[in-house]
Amino acid sequence: MKEYLIQFKPFLLFLAKFALSYLILTSVYQMYLNQFNTAKYEVDGFTQLVAEQSKQVLTLFDANSFTRPNLLEPSVKLFYKGQWVARIIEGCNALSVIILFISFVIAFSGKIKHTINFIVIGSLIIHVFNVMRIALLSLAIYYYPSLQHPLHEVVFPLVIYGLVFLLWVIWVNKYSYYASTSPKK
């Protein structure tokens, strides 16, 4: 048994660091969300920020883009050309995706400065990309409402998770300790 622990030590350390960081970050996020009363349709501040920033992107295409609180559920209504095109809920803010991203980077650690910089820059990239994703999805729903389901459920999740995967590949191959110990060709 001891030789298996030694043999799989790198994997077990990765798994432990990933699980611990994911658990801590998810718990902190849940404590943040618990401040808001969803029974009274309160929306957390970060989701509101994402909705507002998505609206700002839409105003580049049409000045009659705006947001309104949804009085029937905890979400923000997003309007384009005066038409309600999307509801922004907590799951749209990409914080759970950012938590997953950060946990992986921590698990495949590198130098502390590189780790912190990559987490900050990567999180900002994911956030900006997510805002653009919501705006583009809203435009697509306005012009092609029949494609709402495949765009929302398939294409756009693939895009955001594809970006996260790309960032992970960059991290592992360029900045993690694994990258610095890999043999050079």
C-alpha atoms as a PDB file:
ATOM      1  CA  MET A   1       0.000   0.000   0.000  1.00  0.00           C
ATOM      2  CA  LYS A   2       2.847   2.373   0.876  1.00  0.00           C
ATOM      3  CA  GLU A   3       4.431   1.939  -2.553  1.00  0.00           C
ATOM      4  CA  TYR A   4       1.092   2.865  -4.193  1.00  0.00           C
ATOM      5  CA  LEU A   5       0.910   6.018  -2.085  1.00  0.00           C
ATOM      6  CA  ILE A   6       4.436   6.919  -3.149  1.00  0.00           C
ATOM      7  CA  GLN A   7       3.741   6.075  -6.781  1.00  0.00           C
ATOM      8  CA  PHE A   8       0.519   8.118  -6.890  1.00  0.00           C
ATOM      9  CA  LYS A   9       1.656  10.920  -4.588  1.00  0.00           C
ATOM     10  CA  PRO A  10       1.575  13.654  -7.301  1.00  0.00           C
ATOM     11  CA  PHE A  11      -1.954  12.691  -8.307  1.00  0.00           C
ATOM     12  CA  LEU A  12      -3.139  12.442  -4.709  1.00  0.00           C
ATOM     13  CA  LEU A  13      -1.621  15.850  -3.884  1.00  0.00           C
ATOM     14  CA  PHE A  14      -3.321  17.349  -6.942  1.00  0.00           C
ATOM     15  CA  LEU A  15      -6.630  15.786  -5.924  1.00  0.00           C
ATOM     16  CA  ALA A  16      -6.331  16.963  -2.316  1.00  0.00           C
ATOM     17  CA  LYS A  17      -5.382  20.537  -3.283  1.00  0.00           C
ATOM     18  CA  PHE A  18      -8.157  20.694  -5.870  1.00  0.00           C
ATOM     19  CA  ALA A  19     -10.810  19.331  -3.508  1.00  0.00           C
ATOM     20  CA  LEU A  20      -9.753  21.548  -0.603  1.00  0.00           C
ATOM     21  CA  SER A  21      -9.556  24.753  -2.638  1.00  0.00           C
ATOM     22  CA  TYR A  22     -12.841  23.973  -4.418  1.00  0.00           C
ATOM     23  CA  LEU A  23     -14.566  23.250  -1.102  1.00  0.00           C
ATOM     24  CA  ILE A  24     -13.265  26.462   0.505  1.00  0.00           C
ATOM     25  CA  LEU A  25     -14.085  28.704  -2.465  1.00  0.00           C
ATOM     26  CA  THR A  26     -17.523  27.161  -2.935  1.00  0.00           C
ATOM     27  CA  SER A  27     -18.276  27.594   0.780  1.00  0.00           C
ATOM     28  CA  VAL A  28     -17.232  31.262   0.673  1.00  0.00           C
ATOM     29  CA  TYR A  29     -19.365  31.790  -2.427  1.00  0.00           C
ATOM     30  CA  GLN A  30     -22.336  30.103  -0.770  1.00  0.00           C
ATOM     31  CA  MET A  31     -21.936  32.335   2.303  1.00  0.00           C
ATOM     32  CA  TYR A  32     -21.969  35.334  -0.050  1.00  0.00           C
ATOM     33  CA  LEU A  33     -25.143  34.070  -1.764  1.00  0.00           C
ATOM     34  CA  ASN A  34     -26.848  33.376   1.562  1.00  0.00           C
ATOM     35  CA  GLN A  35     -26.872  37.134   2.244  1.00  0.00           C
ATOM     36  CA  PHE A  36     -29.600  37.523  -0.372  1.00  0.00           C
ATOM     37  CA  ASN A  37     -33.211  36.529   0.154  1.00  0.00           C
ATOM     38  CA  THR A  38     -34.271  34.633  -2.956  1.00  0.00           C
ATOM     39  CA  ALA A  39     -37.784  34.276  -1.532  1.00  0.00           C
ATOM     40  CA  LYS A  40     -38.038  38.057  -1.943  1.00  0.00           C
ATOM     41  CA  TYR A  41     -36.418  37.781  -5.394  1.00  0.00           C
ATOM     42  CA  GLU A  42     -33.185  39.484  -4.338  1.00  0.00           C
ATOM     43  CA  VAL A  43     -30.338  39.101  -6.814  1.00  0.00           C
ATOM     44  CA  ASP A  44     -26.719  39.104  -5.669  1.00  0.00           C
ATOM     45  CA  GLY A  45     -24.569  42.082  -6.585  1.00  0.00           C
ATOM     46  CA  PHE A  46     -22.221  40.211  -8.899  1.00  0.00           C
ATOM     47  CA  THR A  47     -25.101  38.862 -10.985  1.00  0.00           C
ATOM     48  CA  GLN A  48     -26.474  42.402 -11.217  1.00  0.00           C
ATOM     49  CA  LEU A  49     -23.042  43.622 -12.321  1.00  0.00           C
ATOM     50  CA  VAL A  50     -22.873  40.958 -15.050  1.00  0.00           C
ATOM     51  CA  ALA A  51     -26.372  41.924 -16.236  1.00  0.00           C
ATOM     52  CA  GLU A  52     -25.440  45.629 -16.339  1.00  0.00           C
ATOM     53  CA  GLN A  53     -22.196  44.969 -18.190  1.00  0.00           C
ATOM     54  CA  SER A  54     -24.024  42.743 -20.692  1.00  0.00           C
ATOM     55  CA  LYS A  55     -26.519  45.560 -21.217  1.00  0.00           C
ATOM     56  CA  GLN A  56     -23.652  47.988 -21.834  1.00  0.00           C
ATOM     57  CA  VAL A  57     -22.314  45.703 -24.554  1.00  0.00           C
ATOM     58  CA  LEU A  58     -25.790  45.503 -26.110  1.00  0.00           C
ATOM     59  CA  THR A  59     -26.048  49.313 -26.160  1.00  0.00           C
ATOM     60  CA  LEU A  60     -23.217  49.261 -28.704  1.00  0.00           C
ATOM     61  CA  PHE A  61     -25.744  47.671 -31.092  1.00  0.00           C
ATOM     62  CA  ASP A  62     -28.907  49.452 -29.942  1.00  0.00           C
ATOM     63  CA  ALA A  63     -29.321  52.308 -27.464  1.00  0.00           C
ATOM     64  CA  ASN A  64     -32.698  50.907 -26.380  1.00  0.00           C
ATOM     65  CA  SER A  65     -31.060  48.128 -24.328  1.00  0.00           C
ATOM     66  CA  PHE A  66     -31.732  48.064 -20.615  1.00  0.00           C
ATOM     67  CA  THR A  67     -32.188  45.888 -17.536  1.00  0.00           C
ATOM     68  CA  ARG A  68     -35.043  45.576 -15.065  1.00  0.00           C
ATOM     69  CA  PRO A  69     -35.427  43.549 -11.891  1.00  0.00           C
ATOM     70  CA  ASN A  70     -37.601  40.498 -12.338  1.00  0.00           C
ATOM     71  CA  LEU A  71     -40.478  40.755  -9.867  1.00  0.00           C
ATOM     72  CA  LEU A  72     -41.404  37.064 -10.211  1.00  0.00           C
ATOM     73  CA  GLU A  73     -38.051  35.381  -9.540  1.00  0.00           C
ATOM     74  CA  PRO A  74     -34.515  36.242  -8.386  1.00  0.00           C
ATOM     75  CA  SER A  75     -33.149  37.398 -11.724  1.00  0.00           C
ATOM     76  CA  VAL A  76     -32.524  40.460 -13.855  1.00  0.00           C
ATOM     77  CA  LYS A  77     -34.409  40.951 -17.112  1.00  0.00           C
ATOM     78  CA  LEU A  78     -32.233  41.984 -20.054  1.00  0.00           C
ATOM     79  CA  PHE A  79     -33.877  43.909 -22.904  1.00  0.00           C
ATOM     80  CA  TYR A  80     -32.601  44.534 -26.430  1.00  0.00           C
ATOM     81  CA  LYS A  81     -34.413  46.943 -28.765  1.00  0.00           C
ATOM     82  CA  GLY A  82     -37.006  47.208 -26.027  1.00  0.00           C
ATOM     83  CA  GLN A  83     -37.717  43.454 -26.121  1.00  0.00           C
ATOM     84  CA  TRP A  84     -37.054  41.111 -23.194  1.00  0.00           C
ATOM     85  CA  VAL A  85     -34.442  38.685 -24.536  1.00  0.00           C
ATOM     86  CA  ALA A  86     -32.847  37.097 -21.466  1.00  0.00           C
ATOM     87  CA  ARG A  87     -33.085  36.620 -17.752  1.00  0.00           C
ATOM     88  CA  ILE A  88     -29.810  36.744 -15.903  1.00  0.00           C
ATOM     89  CA  ILE A  89     -29.805  34.421 -12.895  1.00  0.00           C
ATOM     90  CA  GLU A  90     -27.060  33.632 -10.400  1.00  0.00           C
ATOM     91  CA  GLY A  91     -25.823  30.761 -12.576  1.00  0.00           C
ATOM     92  CA  CYS A  92     -25.144  33.194 -15.432  1.00  0.00           C
ATOM     93  CA  ASN A  93     -22.511  35.170 -13.547  1.00  0.00           C
ATOM     94  CA  ALA A  94     -19.778  32.526 -14.156  1.00  0.00           C
ATOM     95  CA  LEU A  95     -18.494  32.649 -10.574  1.00  0.00           C
ATOM     96  CA  SER A  96     -18.866  28.875 -10.261  1.00  0.00           C
ATOM     97  CA  VAL A  97     -16.816  28.512 -13.461  1.00  0.00           C
ATOM     98  CA  ILE A  98     -14.178  30.884 -12.055  1.00  0.00           C
ATOM     99  CA  ILE A  99     -14.085  28.855  -8.817  1.00  0.00           C
ATOM    100  CA  LEU A 100     -13.464  25.691 -10.858  1.00  0.00           C
ATOM    101  CA  PHE A 101     -10.721  27.493 -12.814  1.00  0.00           C
ATOM    102  CA  ILE A 102      -9.013  28.779  -9.650  1.00  0.00           C
ATOM    103  CA  SER A 103      -9.177  25.386  -7.931  1.00  0.00           C
ATOM    104  CA  PHE A 104      -7.451  23.710 -10.858  1.00  0.00           C
ATOM    105  CA  VAL A 105      -4.702  26.351 -10.995  1.00  0.00           C
ATOM    106  CA  ILE A 106      -4.104  25.972  -7.256  1.00  0.00           C
ATOM    107  CA  ALA A 107      -4.030  22.179  -7.587  1.00  0.00           C
ATOM    108  CA  PHE A 108      -1.415  22.403 -10.358  1.00  0.00           C
ATOM    109  CA  SER A 109       0.506  24.984  -8.416  1.00  0.00           C
ATOM    110  CA  GLY A 110       3.393  27.045  -9.634  1.00  0.00           C
ATOM    111  CA  LYS A 111       5.405  29.912  -8.226  1.00  0.00           C
ATOM    112  CA  ILE A 112       3.178  31.961  -5.924  1.00  0.00           C
ATOM    113  CA  LYS A 113       3.549  35.164  -7.961  1.00  0.00           C
ATOM    114  CA  HIS A 114       2.727  33.362 -11.217  1.00  0.00           C
ATOM    115  CA  THR A 115      -0.172  31.547  -9.557  1.00  0.00           C
ATOM    116  CA  ILE A 116      -1.748  34.736  -8.197  1.00  0.00           C
ATOM    117  CA  ASN A 117      -1.205  36.655 -11.444  1.00  0.00           C
ATOM    118  CA  PHE A 118      -2.646  33.833 -13.546  1.00  0.00           C
ATOM    119  CA  ILE A 119      -5.663  33.476 -11.255  1.00  0.00           C
ATOM    120  CA  VAL A 120      -6.402  37.214 -11.404  1.00  0.00           C
ATOM    121  CA  ILE A 121      -5.836  37.590 -15.151  1.00  0.00           C
ATOM    122  CA  GLY A 122      -7.610  34.315 -15.979  1.00  0.00           C
ATOM    123  CA  SER A 123     -10.599  35.232 -13.809  1.00  0.00           C
ATOM    124  CA  LEU A 124     -10.857  38.622 -15.513  1.00  0.00           C
ATOM    125  CA  ILE A 125     -10.643  36.972 -18.949  1.00  0.00           C
ATOM    126  CA  ILE A 126     -13.408  34.525 -18.000  1.00  0.00           C
ATOM    127  CA  HIS A 127     -15.551  37.373 -16.653  1.00  0.00           C
ATOM    128  CA  VAL A 128     -15.156  39.551 -19.770  1.00  0.00           C
ATOM    129  CA  PHE A 129     -15.694  36.545 -22.008  1.00  0.00           C
ATOM    130  CA  ASN A 130     -18.847  35.643 -20.059  1.00  0.00           C
ATOM    131  CA  VAL A 131     -20.277  39.160 -20.398  1.00  0.00           C
ATOM    132  CA  MET A 132     -19.610  39.029 -24.142  1.00  0.00           C
ATOM    133  CA  ARG A 133     -21.171  35.548 -24.267  1.00  0.00           C
ATOM    134  CA  ILE A 134     -24.379  36.797 -22.612  1.00  0.00           C
ATOM    135  CA  ALA A 135     -24.574  39.802 -24.940  1.00  0.00           C
ATOM    136  CA  LEU A 136     -24.008  37.676 -28.044  1.00  0.00           C
ATOM    137  CA  LEU A 137     -26.514  35.097 -26.832  1.00  0.00           C
ATOM    138  CA  SER A 138     -29.050  37.891 -26.286  1.00  0.00           C
ATOM    139  CA  LEU A 139     -28.473  39.179 -29.817  1.00  0.00           C
ATOM    140  CA  ALA A 140     -28.842  35.661 -31.211  1.00  0.00           C
ATOM    141  CA  ILE A 141     -32.071  35.108 -29.272  1.00  0.00           C
ATOM    142  CA  TYR A 142     -33.462  38.391 -30.577  1.00  0.00           C
ATOM    143  CA  TYR A 143     -32.674  37.613 -34.216  1.00  0.00           C
ATOM    144  CA  TYR A 144     -33.020  33.804 -34.121  1.00  0.00           C
ATOM    145  CA  PRO A 145     -35.447  32.898 -31.303  1.00  0.00           C
ATOM    146  CA  SER A 146     -35.894  29.346 -32.621  1.00  0.00           C
ATOM    147  CA  LEU A 147     -32.200  28.659 -31.878  1.00  0.00           C
ATOM    148  CA  GLN A 148     -32.414  29.688 -28.231  1.00  0.00           C
ATOM    149  CA  HIS A 149     -32.233  26.170 -26.801  1.00  0.00           C
ATOM    150  CA  PRO A 150     -29.192  24.866 -28.729  1.00  0.00           C
ATOM    151  CA  LEU A 151     -27.347  28.167 -28.333  1.00  0.00           C
ATOM    152  CA  HIS A 152     -28.016  28.456 -24.592  1.00  0.00           C
ATOM    153  CA  GLU A 153     -27.698  24.781 -23.695  1.00  0.00           C
ATOM    154  CA  VAL A 154     -24.928  23.623 -26.051  1.00  0.00           C
ATOM    155  CA  VAL A 155     -22.954  26.216 -27.995  1.00  0.00           C
ATOM    156  CA  PHE A 156     -22.371  28.895 -25.392  1.00  0.00           C
ATOM    157  CA  PRO A 157     -21.518  26.481 -22.523  1.00  0.00           C
ATOM    158  CA  LEU A 158     -19.003  24.829 -24.856  1.00  0.00           C
ATOM    159  CA  VAL A 159     -17.502  28.233 -25.552  1.00  0.00           C
ATOM    160  CA  ILE A 160     -17.080  29.225 -21.890  1.00  0.00           C
ATOM    161  CA  TYR A 161     -15.787  25.813 -20.787  1.00  0.00           C
ATOM    162  CA  GLY A 162     -13.558  25.683 -23.846  1.00  0.00           C
ATOM    163  CA  LEU A 163     -11.987  28.961 -22.750  1.00  0.00           C
ATOM    164  CA  VAL A 164     -11.417  27.586 -19.240  1.00  0.00           C
ATOM    165  CA  PHE A 165      -9.855  24.443 -20.690  1.00  0.00           C
ATOM    166  CA  LEU A 166      -7.555  26.562 -22.878  1.00  0.00           C
ATOM    167  CA  LEU A 167      -6.471  28.603 -19.848  1.00  0.00           C
ATOM    168  CA  TRP A 168      -5.776  25.378 -17.935  1.00  0.00           C
ATOM    169  CA  VAL A 169      -3.632  24.055 -20.803  1.00  0.00           C
ATOM    170  CA  ILE A 170      -1.658  27.310 -20.855  1.00  0.00           C
ATOM    171  CA  TRP A 171      -1.224  27.153 -17.070  1.00  0.00           C
ATOM    172  CA  VAL A 172      -0.041  23.546 -16.973  1.00  0.00           C
ATOM    173  CA  ASN A 173       2.315  23.916 -19.936  1.00  0.00           C
ATOM    174  CA  LYS A 174       3.813  27.326 -19.155  1.00  0.00           C
ATOM    175  CA  TYR A 175       3.567  28.236 -15.483  1.00  0.00           C
ATOM    176  CA  SER A 176       2.911  25.259 -13.206  1.00  0.00           C
ATOM    177  CA  TYR A 177       5.741  23.380 -11.496  1.00  0.00           C
ATOM    178  CA  TYR A 178       4.885  20.515 -13.838  1.00  0.00           C
ATOM    179  CA  ALA A 179       5.877  22.685 -16.816  1.00  0.00           C
ATOM    180  CA  SER A 180       9.234  23.572 -15.292  1.00  0.00           C
ATOM    181  CA  THR A 181      10.087  19.916 -14.622  1.00  0.00           C
ATOM    182  CA  SER A 182       8.932  18.552 -17.973  1.00  0.00           C
ATOM    183  CA  PRO A 183      11.755  17.461 -20.263  1.00  0.00           C
ATOM    184  CA  LYS A 184      12.451  19.936 -23.072  1.00  0.00           C
ATOM    185  CA  LYS A 185      12.473  18.614 -26.635  1.00  0.00           C
END
